[in-house]
């Protein structure tokens, strides 16, 4: 451990590379917490590897098995933990291959390890233990090197090795605290003003770090000057873009071959992705019949499943006339469910029971699918834009009604991507084509002929150096009219967009970098001024470490304090001069630091059980791993989860699916959906995404939010539950079944069900029997299970004793989470895609504090020390919806709700 700029990475890398060259070890893995840090360190590692004759491999999510094997066979491997976990989540073949490859690693280096906290650290602990055990099985004992400037007690427990201390080489830093701003605009203006003052004072490299990516982008867009930055030719080449009409004219003036211009134009017409809806009128394309049939089948199966879910829910509610009840429920609902129901309904009589209706739904779906298989027997179907009538007509011939066929076609137009080999090249209007930007870096590979490509690249470089060709730089502008380049780098940008930007900032003699916590760790910016907002203590110390790293450069840090309380404490405790150690304690001391630390979950039985299940997929070796890694509690829960075939989210960091904007930027659904309407949402097939939005990030950034909140639809989420979990008698229990959590909460209803009494009153009278002879009680009432009350109690089954516990109203479940939009008037509407299909957070674990007010819930969570955990989403806004049943908690990292539930149960049992 050592302070920033102490050379921790080189201090470990040089001897490891030497050992590799000498043959004393054969494989090293260096793991970095962020892509930005890995890219920064990659340059250093490449230089070392070249000097020592070694090859470097890098793990990336999305690699094929062949690519993965090639990377694992290199002596030096670079990765981020998220990329490693991508393979575990993909399937057992990838996971097993990766585990075997990593078990051959001799030495692991975990850089900036302080970023691993709470459940993320627990995931890492399991990963380390698994690798070490497999290594021992292969006769190896891998060594682990944990590098950090701010060690925590939890990190120290990760390894039993000795501490190796170093000394920071950072120079003195002048720190200035700005008093709190009174609002969003003043906060923005204060920070902009601080940058302009620093530039006026002669600062060469300024780092402006915001807590929010949105504020960072707003500032970047707002301060852009009218002139383009004066960049060296190599950076103009790497980041430069130019409109096609201007570039085409320049190419013509330079006498560039027409064949080259045609190649570029063809690429611009193909650069996508493109969907059926993007075709010009009258354009036709041949589509795979198999792909179309699979899309229709998936859509119909999803709609049928949703209707069956609603049907069974109404049946559980005791509805006597299911057909009429379905009519009522589907009035005003999404288009596709309603249209599908309208086609099935005429085939049913008024008194049809739940099984007859379910069979009719399945039969109609099968009719359409079978008809399409007959009609689409050829390999492809020729489709003509814009209406794609060929698809609509096929659906009608297969048995779908006109409205349903048209709705399905509309869905396919937005979701079926045009194949690369479709030959559709001329669908874009000349006006749209002229406005498209050509990235100069594309020309390294876009022009096929090597001689033409080389001649073009050389001429463009000459033109850039002579300032004969004017290009705009992607994500690089000037700060106002100062002429100083400003670079934007945030986590909202896609990986491709971020690539190379930090390198560009470091090469510029004078520049401003606007960023977010994506730059907090490890990267050396050679900055002389850091301007930032108050954040948690450890994060601030990491930002603080970005300056004062270069000899002869006086480092300055300017901090905008968030609130008056921190500002008062600052004046009470500060000293004119402090050592770095004193300053670190002053800022981030866990008990008395100026900037409070974040709170994290300590562990989770569910998280442990998912690791048990991952191991279990590996056969005999997995059984051995589980015996070595886990006790009976985790193994029992893992077996129950596996037997129930429950899907689970698995990852090192966040596991909440995102809404992805055009261009690849994604984010929290509770934030993004406040600005994106249903009409611009599309279903996504990725397990990491809830939906795709037809909106670019910059439009999203400046768009006002029409909805004040996105909240969990607690009642719909209960109905969609697949499992109910609870802790009782020293072990975890699990009850599965569609809508099982909705059934359970009916036990608390005030509605009379028998003899004028609600269920909860009747159960109190049966408490002794249920607690001590549950099976006997259930055996007595099973013969009466056709009646509503016995039917409900039998369905709840072994969960009945939970009703008598002091924590009975803590409802821990799993299933799809439904969301609602709430506007300024408090009116709620469901989140759906543009076709009216529900968009859900799939297969999530959640915790509902049933019948709790916000005040009661906060007090209970605070007493159990589980309020404001970083890994949990606390949906207090759910209480604003009419008919609310209580606040809802969701996992930001899988397993967090289990931790909260267990702590609440332990506290309730005291």
Foldseek 3Di string as FASTA:
>chain_A
DEAFLLCVVVVPVLVVLVCCLVVVAQAEEEEEAFPVQLLQCVVVVVVSCVVSVFDAAEQAQPDDPVNVVVRLNGRYYYYYQQSLVSQLVPDLVSVVVSLLSLLRHAEYEYEQQVVQDFLLVVVVLLVVLSSQVSNVVVVGGHYYHYYHHDDDPSVCVSDVDDDDYTYHPFDDAAEAEDEADPDDVRVLVVLLVVVVVCVVVPFFEEEEAEADLLSLVVSVVVQFAPDFFLAALVQCQQFWKDFLVVVVVVCVVVVADPVQNVLLLQVLLPPDQAFLQLFAAFDKWKDFLVVLLVLLLVVLVQLLVVLLLVQVVVVLVVDQFSLVVSVVVCVVFFDQNVQLCVLQSVVDDRRDHSVVSSVSSVVQSVQQSVQSCVVNVDRIDMAGDDQRVVQLVSSVSSPGDNSNSSLSSVQRRVPHTHDPPRPPRPRDDPVVSRRDMDNSNCLVPSDPDVVSSVVVVVVSSVCSNVVVDDTHGQQWGARYPPSAIEGEAELLADPVSRPPRLVSQQPDRGHYYRYYLSPLADRASAGQEYEYEAAALVSVSSSVSNHSSDPPRHHYYYYHYHDPVLVVVCVVDDDSDDDPVVLSCCAHVQVHHSGHHAFHFNDFLQLLLVSLLSLVVVPPRSVVSCVVPDDDQSVVVNVVCVVLVADFFDGSFFRFAWEAEPNGRTDDCFPQVQFAAQQQWHQDPDLNHLTYGDHDPVCSSPGDGQFPTKFWPVLVFLQQFAWWWDDDPHHIDIAGDRSLSVLLCQCVDQQDDPPRGGNVVVVVVCLVCCVPPVVVVLVVLVVVLVDSPNVSDVSNRPCSNLCPALQSQWIKTWFWIWMWTQGPVRDIDTRHHSSSHTRTRGTWIKIFNFQDQPVRVVVLLVVLVNPRHPQKDWRNVLVSHPPRGGIMITGRHPRSVSSSNVSSSVVSVD
